[in-house]
């Protein structure tokens, strides 16, 4: 598990490390930044809830598909170039989102944003671990700090800027990512990189591995529950942008706490598959409760925050399991897994909005709970393929990957 040497000052790092860490904070902020402005976009751009939810779908679909090629690209052009291309794309497409005059245009530009995000998050981990002083333990602390700050602040900033204009959060991301681009371009210097080209087909072929296939299918159905809670909940809450931002600020804080501290404690005390089989049903019950109490804003807020606690554990343990379940290279395994799981995230928001329109606000949460129940059943029946998973010890670098990849959706 994560270990930190008391003799090493985590905060005494080269400027190039802080440049990448800052970019990571902004990237994590992007997870919940759009949430508070979904109802505002629907109102001001005369968009249906289904159209508005496609802002998540285009972003997640492109991010997932792009994950299949990011290792191929970064292994050929190098980490710094990949980071800069990713950041540059985010700046361009976030700006285009802010300047758009129709919801269809924003949906399309969010897809370009997803491509940039995939290139960035797939490369940032290796970069900061390689550049940080004090070894991987120091790098992990920095990632954990970036994770918590970004996920918690994103919805809050989105709510504050969104209360001025729905364009505000998009302009805010563009400005912050432009600063990160300049910082990395100027400060990220070091010895030449050793490049080991990865075949383009490697992530697809990796899904032939039974253990990876089981975990990817589990994550696909689990992510439906994740993104119904995240992307659909702003509509039944009925709050303004600041109220939604504060709600998901609490969600982000809860998710960060359990992903960084609680998940490692649980996996030290029991097998990973046991942790998953214990927490997945709890998430399903939480989603059922959200559906039952959807008409009560205080109760729904409580369900969202409790969901954040459970999601933090599941994100980290699932991705940590992917790192340990096979002998595949980490980059290849995480690319395959992420590509499949993001498909669930991409499908969930518009499906939830459609079910809301047809049957009322309770049904989307029940649909999400049923999807999480399917994920639980797949894990239970596929546990034999994961027989070797629970015997393997996770090292510090794997924990860092789990925190980064698991919470960068």
Protein backbone atom coordinates (compact mmCIF):
# COMPACT_ATOMS: atom_id res chain seq x y z
CA UNK A 1 0.00 0.00 0.00
CA UNK A 2 0.98 3.66 -0.04
CA UNK A 3 4.00 4.38 2.11
CA UNK A 4 5.56 7.76 2.75
CA UNK A 5 9.03 8.23 4.16
CA UNK A 6 9.08 10.71 7.05
CA UNK A 7 12.55 11.88 6.02
CA UNK A 8 11.33 13.21 2.67
CA UNK A 9 9.66 16.61 2.36
CA UNK A 10 6.95 16.08 -0.20
CA UNK A 11 6.59 19.81 -0.83
CA UNK A 12 10.22 20.41 -1.85
CA UNK A 13 9.86 19.56 -5.53
CA UNK A 14 11.30 20.93 -8.77
CA UNK A 15 9.19 23.51 -10.57
CA UNK A 16 8.48 21.04 -13.38
CA UNK A 17 6.68 18.80 -10.87
CA UNK A 18 4.51 21.67 -9.65
CA UNK A 19 3.68 22.55 -13.25
CA UNK A 20 2.31 19.05 -13.92
CA UNK A 21 0.59 18.92 -10.51
CA UNK A 22 -1.21 22.19 -11.24
CA UNK A 23 -2.38 20.85 -14.59
CA UNK A 24 -3.66 17.74 -12.80
CA UNK A 25 -5.71 19.86 -10.39
CA UNK A 26 -7.37 21.63 -13.32
CA UNK A 27 -7.97 18.32 -15.13
CA UNK A 28 -9.65 16.86 -12.04
CA UNK A 29 -11.73 20.04 -11.70
CA UNK A 30 -13.17 19.30 -15.13
CA UNK A 31 -14.96 16.20 -13.75
CA UNK A 32 -17.68 18.17 -12.01
CA UNK A 33 -17.30 21.64 -13.50
CA UNK A 34 -20.23 21.28 -15.93
CA UNK A 35 -22.65 19.78 -13.40
CA UNK A 36 -23.93 23.05 -11.86
CA UNK A 37 -24.72 24.64 -15.24
CA UNK A 38 -26.68 21.77 -16.83
CA UNK A 39 -30.12 23.21 -15.97
CA UNK A 40 -28.96 26.70 -17.02
CA UNK A 41 -27.73 25.42 -20.39
CA UNK A 42 -31.01 23.57 -20.90
CA UNK A 43 -32.93 26.77 -20.18
CA UNK A 44 -30.83 29.34 -22.05
CA UNK A 45 -30.06 27.23 -25.12
CA UNK A 46 -33.59 25.81 -25.35
CA UNK A 47 -32.22 22.27 -25.02
CA UNK A 48 -34.03 19.21 -23.79
CA UNK A 49 -32.58 17.35 -20.79
CA UNK A 50 -31.50 14.53 -23.15
CA UNK A 51 -29.59 17.00 -25.34
CA UNK A 52 -28.00 18.60 -22.29
CA UNK A 53 -26.86 15.24 -20.92
CA UNK A 54 -25.07 14.59 -24.22
CA UNK A 55 -22.46 17.06 -22.93
CA UNK A 56 -21.26 14.17 -20.77
CA UNK A 57 -21.79 11.53 -23.46
CA UNK A 58 -19.65 13.17 -26.15
CA UNK A 59 -16.89 13.90 -23.63
CA UNK A 60 -16.81 10.40 -22.13
CA UNK A 61 -17.26 8.54 -25.42
CA UNK A 62 -14.34 10.30 -27.08
CA UNK A 63 -12.23 9.99 -23.92
CA UNK A 64 -12.86 6.25 -23.78
CA UNK A 65 -12.16 5.60 -27.47
CA UNK A 66 -9.07 7.81 -27.37
CA UNK A 67 -7.72 5.78 -24.44
CA UNK A 68 -7.19 2.96 -26.94
CA UNK A 69 -4.57 5.00 -28.82
CA UNK A 70 -2.97 7.22 -26.18
CA UNK A 71 -0.26 4.72 -25.24
CA UNK A 72 0.51 4.28 -28.96
CA UNK A 73 0.89 8.06 -29.36
CA UNK A 74 2.83 8.86 -26.18
CA UNK A 75 5.26 5.99 -26.74
CA UNK A 76 6.24 7.62 -30.04
CA UNK A 77 6.18 11.39 -29.50
CA UNK A 78 7.16 11.40 -25.83
CA UNK A 79 5.48 12.43 -22.57
CA UNK A 80 6.02 16.20 -22.77
CA UNK A 81 4.69 16.46 -26.32
CA UNK A 82 1.66 14.34 -25.40
CA UNK A 83 0.92 16.49 -22.36
CA UNK A 84 1.15 19.67 -24.40
CA UNK A 85 -1.06 18.32 -27.20
CA UNK A 86 -3.65 17.24 -24.64
CA UNK A 87 -3.61 20.57 -22.80
CA UNK A 88 -3.70 22.50 -26.06
CA UNK A 89 -6.77 20.60 -27.23
CA UNK A 90 -8.55 21.25 -23.94
CA UNK A 91 -7.80 24.99 -24.18
CA UNK A 92 -9.09 25.17 -27.76
CA UNK A 93 -12.25 23.14 -27.24
CA UNK A 94 -13.15 24.65 -23.85
CA UNK A 95 -12.91 28.08 -25.50
CA UNK A 96 -15.08 26.93 -28.41
CA UNK A 97 -17.65 25.59 -25.92
CA UNK A 98 -17.75 29.01 -24.23
CA UNK A 99 -18.23 30.79 -27.58
CA UNK A 100 -20.91 28.41 -28.86
CA UNK A 101 -24.45 29.52 -29.58
CA UNK A 102 -26.20 26.15 -29.61
CA UNK A 103 -26.25 23.04 -27.48
CA UNK A 104 -25.29 20.89 -30.50
CA UNK A 105 -22.09 22.89 -30.93
CA UNK A 106 -21.22 22.52 -27.23
CA UNK A 107 -21.81 18.77 -27.46
CA UNK A 108 -19.43 18.49 -30.41
CA UNK A 109 -16.72 20.61 -28.82
CA UNK A 110 -16.97 18.62 -25.58
CA UNK A 111 -15.90 15.61 -27.66
CA UNK A 112 -12.71 17.43 -28.67
CA UNK A 113 -12.19 18.27 -24.99
CA UNK A 114 -12.45 14.55 -24.22
CA UNK A 115 -9.65 13.77 -26.69
CA UNK A 116 -7.37 16.28 -25.00
CA UNK A 117 -8.28 14.93 -21.57
CA UNK A 118 -7.45 11.36 -22.61
CA UNK A 119 -4.01 12.38 -23.89
CA UNK A 120 -3.27 14.35 -20.74
CA UNK A 121 -4.43 11.97 -18.00
CA UNK A 122 -2.84 8.95 -19.66
CA UNK A 123 0.57 10.62 -19.52
CA UNK A 124 0.57 12.81 -16.41
CA UNK A 125 1.13 9.99 -13.91
CA UNK A 126 4.34 8.68 -15.44
CA UNK A 127 5.63 12.24 -15.86
CA UNK A 128 5.21 13.35 -12.28
CA UNK A 129 6.43 10.05 -10.80
CA UNK A 130 9.57 10.30 -12.94
CA UNK A 131 10.22 13.94 -12.07
CA UNK A 132 9.37 14.06 -8.33
CA UNK A 133 12.12 13.99 -5.73
CA UNK A 134 11.75 11.56 -2.85
CA UNK A 135 10.58 8.62 -4.98
CA UNK A 136 7.11 7.39 -5.83
CA UNK A 137 5.81 8.01 -2.29
CA UNK A 138 6.28 11.76 -2.65
CA UNK A 139 4.70 11.70 -6.09
CA UNK A 140 1.66 9.86 -4.72
CA UNK A 141 1.08 12.49 -2.02
CA UNK A 142 1.13 15.19 -4.69
CA UNK A 143 -1.36 13.25 -6.80
CA UNK A 144 -3.60 12.72 -3.81
CA UNK A 145 -3.51 16.45 -3.08
CA UNK A 146 -4.29 17.27 -6.73
CA UNK A 147 -7.12 14.73 -6.72
CA UNK A 148 -8.81 16.07 -3.60
CA UNK A 149 -8.41 19.72 -4.52
CA UNK A 150 -9.55 19.29 -8.12
CA UNK A 151 -12.58 17.05 -7.53
CA UNK A 152 -13.83 19.17 -4.62
CA UNK A 153 -13.24 22.61 -6.11
CA UNK A 154 -14.49 21.81 -9.65
CA UNK A 155 -18.25 21.83 -8.92
CA UNK A 156 -17.89 24.80 -6.58
CA UNK A 157 -16.03 26.87 -9.18
CA UNK A 158 -18.51 25.73 -11.83
CA UNK A 159 -21.37 26.91 -9.62
CA UNK A 160 -19.80 30.31 -8.91
CA UNK A 161 -18.90 31.02 -12.54
CA UNK A 162 -22.14 29.46 -13.76
CA UNK A 163 -24.17 31.85 -11.60
CA UNK A 164 -22.77 34.66 -13.77
CA UNK A 165 -23.12 32.90 -17.12
CA UNK A 166 -23.22 29.32 -18.38
CA UNK A 167 -20.16 30.26 -20.46
CA UNK A 168 -18.13 31.11 -17.35
CA UNK A 169 -16.95 27.61 -16.37
CA UNK A 170 -15.77 26.91 -19.93
CA UNK A 171 -13.78 30.15 -20.08
CA UNK A 172 -12.38 29.39 -16.62
CA UNK A 173 -11.06 25.98 -17.71
CA UNK A 174 -9.57 27.47 -20.88
CA UNK A 175 -7.65 30.13 -18.93
CA UNK A 176 -6.37 27.71 -16.27
CA UNK A 177 -5.32 25.11 -18.84
CA UNK A 178 -3.55 27.79 -20.89
CA UNK A 179 -1.53 28.70 -17.79
CA UNK A 180 -0.76 24.99 -17.26
CA UNK A 181 0.29 24.65 -20.92
CA UNK A 182 2.77 27.54 -20.59
CA UNK A 183 4.10 26.20 -17.28
CA UNK A 184 4.75 22.72 -18.68
CA UNK A 185 6.24 24.07 -21.92
CA UNK A 186 8.70 26.22 -19.98
CA UNK A 187 9.40 24.15 -16.87
CA UNK A 188 9.16 20.48 -17.89
CA UNK A 189 12.75 19.84 -18.84
CA UNK A 190 14.94 16.91 -18.01
CA UNK A 191 16.99 14.06 -19.47
CA UNK A 192 15.87 12.54 -22.75
CA UNK A 193 13.04 10.02 -22.58
CA UNK A 194 13.48 6.32 -23.26
CA UNK A 195 10.71 5.42 -25.70
CA UNK A 196 9.35 1.91 -26.02
CA UNK A 197 6.74 1.96 -28.82
CA UNK A 198 3.43 0.24 -27.98
CA UNK A 199 1.51 -1.52 -30.81
CA UNK A 200 -1.77 0.15 -31.77
CA UNK A 201 -3.68 -3.11 -31.24
CA UNK A 202 -2.32 -3.79 -27.74
CA UNK A 203 -5.26 -2.38 -25.69
CA UNK A 204 -7.84 -4.22 -27.82
CA UNK A 205 -5.97 -7.52 -27.66
CA UNK A 206 -5.66 -7.08 -23.89
CA UNK A 207 -9.41 -7.58 -23.49
CA UNK A 208 -8.94 -11.24 -24.38
CA UNK A 209 -7.56 -11.68 -20.87
CA UNK A 210 -10.43 -13.15 -18.77
CA UNK A 211 -9.59 -11.21 -15.60
CA UNK A 212 -9.37 -7.89 -17.41
CA UNK A 213 -12.57 -8.63 -19.34
CA UNK A 214 -14.50 -9.36 -16.12
CA UNK A 215 -13.30 -6.16 -14.45
CA UNK A 216 -14.04 -4.08 -17.54
CA UNK A 217 -17.63 -5.39 -17.76
CA UNK A 218 -18.11 -4.76 -14.03
CA UNK A 219 -16.87 -1.19 -14.51
CA UNK A 220 -19.12 -0.63 -17.53
CA UNK A 221 -22.30 -1.33 -15.51
CA UNK A 222 -20.96 0.33 -12.37
CA UNK A 223 -20.20 3.52 -14.32
CA UNK A 224 -23.85 3.76 -15.32
CA UNK A 225 -24.66 4.18 -11.63
CA UNK A 226 -21.79 6.65 -11.20
CA UNK A 227 -22.89 8.96 -14.00
CA UNK A 228 -26.61 8.81 -13.29
CA UNK A 229 -25.79 10.12 -9.83
CA UNK A 230 -23.33 12.72 -11.13
CA UNK A 231 -24.93 13.92 -14.37
CA UNK A 232 -28.68 13.45 -13.79
CA UNK A 233 -29.00 14.64 -10.18
CA UNK A 234 -28.70 18.41 -10.93
CA UNK A 235 -32.13 18.29 -12.60
CA UNK A 236 -34.33 16.82 -9.80
CA UNK A 237 -32.42 18.81 -7.15
CA UNK A 238 -34.02 21.99 -8.46
CA UNK A 239 -31.22 24.23 -7.10
CA UNK A 240 -29.51 27.14 -8.80
CA UNK A 241 -25.93 26.91 -10.04
CA UNK A 242 -24.39 27.75 -6.66
CA UNK A 243 -26.62 25.27 -4.81
CA UNK A 244 -25.70 22.49 -7.22
CA UNK A 245 -22.04 23.48 -6.97
CA UNK A 246 -22.11 23.27 -3.17
CA UNK A 247 -23.87 19.90 -3.29
CA UNK A 248 -21.27 18.39 -5.57
CA UNK A 249 -18.48 20.08 -3.64
CA UNK A 250 -19.59 17.85 -0.76
CA UNK A 251 -19.75 14.90 -3.16
CA UNK A 252 -16.21 15.62 -4.35
CA UNK A 253 -14.80 15.95 -0.85
CA UNK A 254 -16.43 12.65 0.14
CA UNK A 255 -15.10 10.88 -2.96
CA UNK A 256 -11.58 12.22 -2.46
CA UNK A 257 -11.45 11.17 1.21
CA UNK A 258 -12.48 7.57 0.59
CA UNK A 259 -10.44 7.11 -2.59
CA UNK A 260 -7.24 8.37 -0.99
CA UNK A 261 -7.51 7.09 2.60
CA UNK A 262 -10.40 4.67 3.15
CA UNK A 263 -9.87 2.38 0.14
CA UNK A 264 -6.25 1.51 1.13
CA UNK A 265 -7.37 0.76 4.70
CA UNK A 266 -10.06 -1.64 3.47
CA UNK A 267 -7.78 -3.47 1.03
CA UNK A 268 -5.18 -3.96 3.76
CA UNK A 269 -7.76 -5.77 5.86
CA UNK A 270 -9.68 -7.85 3.32
CA UNK A 271 -9.37 -9.15 -0.26
CA UNK A 272 -10.10 -6.64 -3.01
CA UNK A 273 -12.93 -8.70 -4.48
CA UNK A 274 -14.54 -8.82 -1.04
CA UNK A 275 -14.34 -5.04 -0.76
CA UNK A 276 -16.01 -4.68 -4.16
CA UNK A 277 -18.73 -7.23 -3.38
CA UNK A 278 -19.42 -5.41 -0.11
CA UNK A 279 -19.52 -1.82 -1.43
CA UNK A 280 -21.29 -2.35 -4.78
CA UNK A 281 -24.58 -3.45 -3.13
CA UNK A 282 -24.33 -0.46 -0.78
CA UNK A 283 -24.12 1.82 -3.81
CA UNK A 284 -27.17 0.11 -5.33
CA UNK A 285 -29.12 0.70 -2.10
CA UNK A 286 -28.02 4.34 -2.03
CA UNK A 287 -29.33 4.79 -5.59
CA UNK A 288 -32.64 3.17 -4.63
CA UNK A 289 -32.87 5.60 -1.71
CA UNK A 290 -32.16 8.51 -4.07
CA UNK A 291 -35.05 7.37 -6.25
CA UNK A 292 -37.43 6.94 -3.33
CA UNK A 293 -36.59 10.33 -1.77
CA UNK A 294 -36.02 12.25 -5.02
CA UNK A 295 -38.79 14.73 -4.17
CA UNK A 296 -36.95 15.80 -0.99
CA UNK A 297 -33.89 17.97 -1.82
CA UNK A 298 -32.22 17.48 1.62
CA UNK A 299 -32.59 13.68 1.36
CA UNK A 300 -31.32 13.67 -2.23
CA UNK A 301 -28.30 15.76 -1.21
CA UNK A 302 -27.55 13.21 1.52
CA UNK A 303 -27.77 10.35 -1.00
CA UNK A 304 -25.41 12.20 -3.37
CA UNK A 305 -22.79 12.75 -0.64
CA UNK A 306 -23.08 9.15 0.62
CA UNK A 307 -22.74 8.05 -3.00
CA UNK A 308 -19.50 10.01 -3.19
CA UNK A 309 -18.13 8.08 -0.21
CA UNK A 310 -18.95 4.75 -1.87
CA UNK A 311 -17.75 5.80 -5.33
CA UNK A 312 -14.36 6.81 -3.97
CA UNK A 313 -13.76 3.32 -2.61
CA UNK A 314 -15.02 1.58 -5.74
CA UNK A 315 -13.05 3.74 -8.19
CA UNK A 316 -9.75 3.14 -6.45
CA UNK A 317 -10.22 -0.57 -5.69
CA UNK A 318 -11.49 -1.38 -9.20
CA UNK A 319 -8.61 0.36 -10.93
CA UNK A 320 -6.09 -1.04 -8.45
CA UNK A 321 -7.51 -4.49 -9.27
CA UNK A 322 -6.97 -3.87 -12.98
CA UNK A 323 -3.33 -3.08 -12.28
CA UNK A 324 -2.86 -6.33 -10.37
CA UNK A 325 -5.14 -8.83 -12.11
CA UNK A 326 -2.87 -9.41 -15.11
CA UNK A 327 0.76 -9.27 -16.14
CA UNK A 328 -0.03 -6.75 -18.88
CA UNK A 329 1.82 -3.41 -18.88
CA UNK A 330 0.00 -0.89 -16.69
CA UNK A 331 -0.58 1.58 -19.51
CA UNK A 332 -2.11 -1.09 -21.75
CA UNK A 333 -4.34 -2.57 -19.01
CA UNK A 334 -5.64 0.82 -17.87
CA UNK A 335 -6.28 1.92 -21.47
CA UNK A 336 -8.38 -1.19 -22.21
CA UNK A 337 -10.29 -0.94 -18.95
CA UNK A 338 -10.94 2.79 -19.29
CA UNK A 339 -12.17 2.47 -22.87
CA UNK A 340 -14.85 -0.05 -21.84
CA UNK A 341 -15.94 1.63 -18.61
CA UNK A 342 -16.32 5.03 -20.25
CA UNK A 343 -18.90 3.49 -22.59
CA UNK A 344 -21.15 2.99 -19.58
CA UNK A 345 -20.53 6.55 -18.47
CA UNK A 346 -21.28 7.86 -21.97
CA UNK A 347 -24.61 6.00 -22.25
CA UNK A 348 -25.94 6.75 -18.76
CA UNK A 349 -26.75 10.52 -18.79
CA UNK A 350 -29.03 10.64 -21.89
CA UNK A 351 -30.70 7.35 -20.91
CA UNK A 352 -31.43 8.78 -17.46
CA UNK A 353 -32.91 11.94 -18.95
CA UNK A 354 -35.07 9.91 -21.34
CA UNK A 355 -36.36 7.69 -18.51
CA UNK A 356 -37.12 10.83 -16.49
CA UNK A 357 -39.13 12.25 -19.36
CA UNK A 358 -41.09 9.00 -19.86
CA UNK A 359 -41.60 7.73 -16.30
CA UNK A 360 -40.63 10.40 -13.78
CA UNK A 361 -37.51 11.18 -11.69
CA UNK A 362 -37.52 7.98 -9.60
CA UNK A 363 -36.97 5.55 -12.49
CA UNK A 364 -33.49 6.79 -13.57
CA UNK A 365 -32.14 6.03 -10.10
CA UNK A 366 -33.77 2.59 -10.07
CA UNK A 367 -32.23 1.95 -13.51
CA UNK A 368 -28.85 2.97 -12.10
CA UNK A 369 -29.31 0.69 -9.08
CA UNK A 370 -30.19 -2.22 -11.37
CA UNK A 371 -27.04 -1.59 -13.41
CA UNK A 372 -24.90 -1.66 -10.26
CA UNK A 373 -26.65 -4.92 -9.27
CA UNK A 374 -25.66 -6.37 -12.66
CA UNK A 375 -22.06 -5.28 -12.00
CA UNK A 376 -22.20 -7.09 -8.65
CA UNK A 377 -23.53 -10.27 -10.27
CA UNK A 378 -20.85 -10.20 -13.00
CA UNK A 379 -18.15 -9.86 -10.34
CA UNK A 380 -19.60 -12.66 -8.24
CA UNK A 381 -19.88 -15.09 -11.17
CA UNK A 382 -16.53 -14.05 -12.63
CA UNK A 383 -14.63 -14.23 -9.36
CA UNK A 384 -12.90 -17.44 -10.44
CA UNK A 385 -11.10 -15.50 -13.20
CA UNK A 386 -9.81 -13.15 -10.48
CA UNK A 387 -8.46 -15.93 -8.26
CA UNK A 388 -4.91 -14.58 -8.27
CA UNK A 389 -5.92 -10.99 -7.62
CA UNK A 390 -6.38 -11.14 -3.87
CA UNK A 391 -2.99 -12.73 -3.22
CA UNK A 392 -1.01 -9.94 -4.87
CA UNK A 393 0.35 -7.04 -2.90
CA UNK A 394 -0.18 -3.61 -4.39
CA UNK A 395 2.82 -1.28 -4.51
CA UNK A 396 2.92 2.49 -4.21
CA UNK A 397 2.97 3.12 -7.94
CA UNK A 398 -0.12 0.97 -8.46
CA UNK A 399 -1.98 2.89 -5.77
CA UNK A 400 -1.10 6.14 -7.57
CA UNK A 401 -2.43 4.75 -10.84
CA UNK A 402 -5.63 3.64 -9.13
CA UNK A 403 -6.21 7.06 -7.62
CA UNK A 404 -5.44 8.92 -10.84
CA UNK A 405 -7.16 6.74 -13.43
CA UNK A 406 -10.05 5.72 -11.20
CA UNK A 407 -11.08 9.31 -10.46
CA UNK A 408 -10.26 10.98 -13.76
CA UNK A 409 -13.48 10.11 -15.51
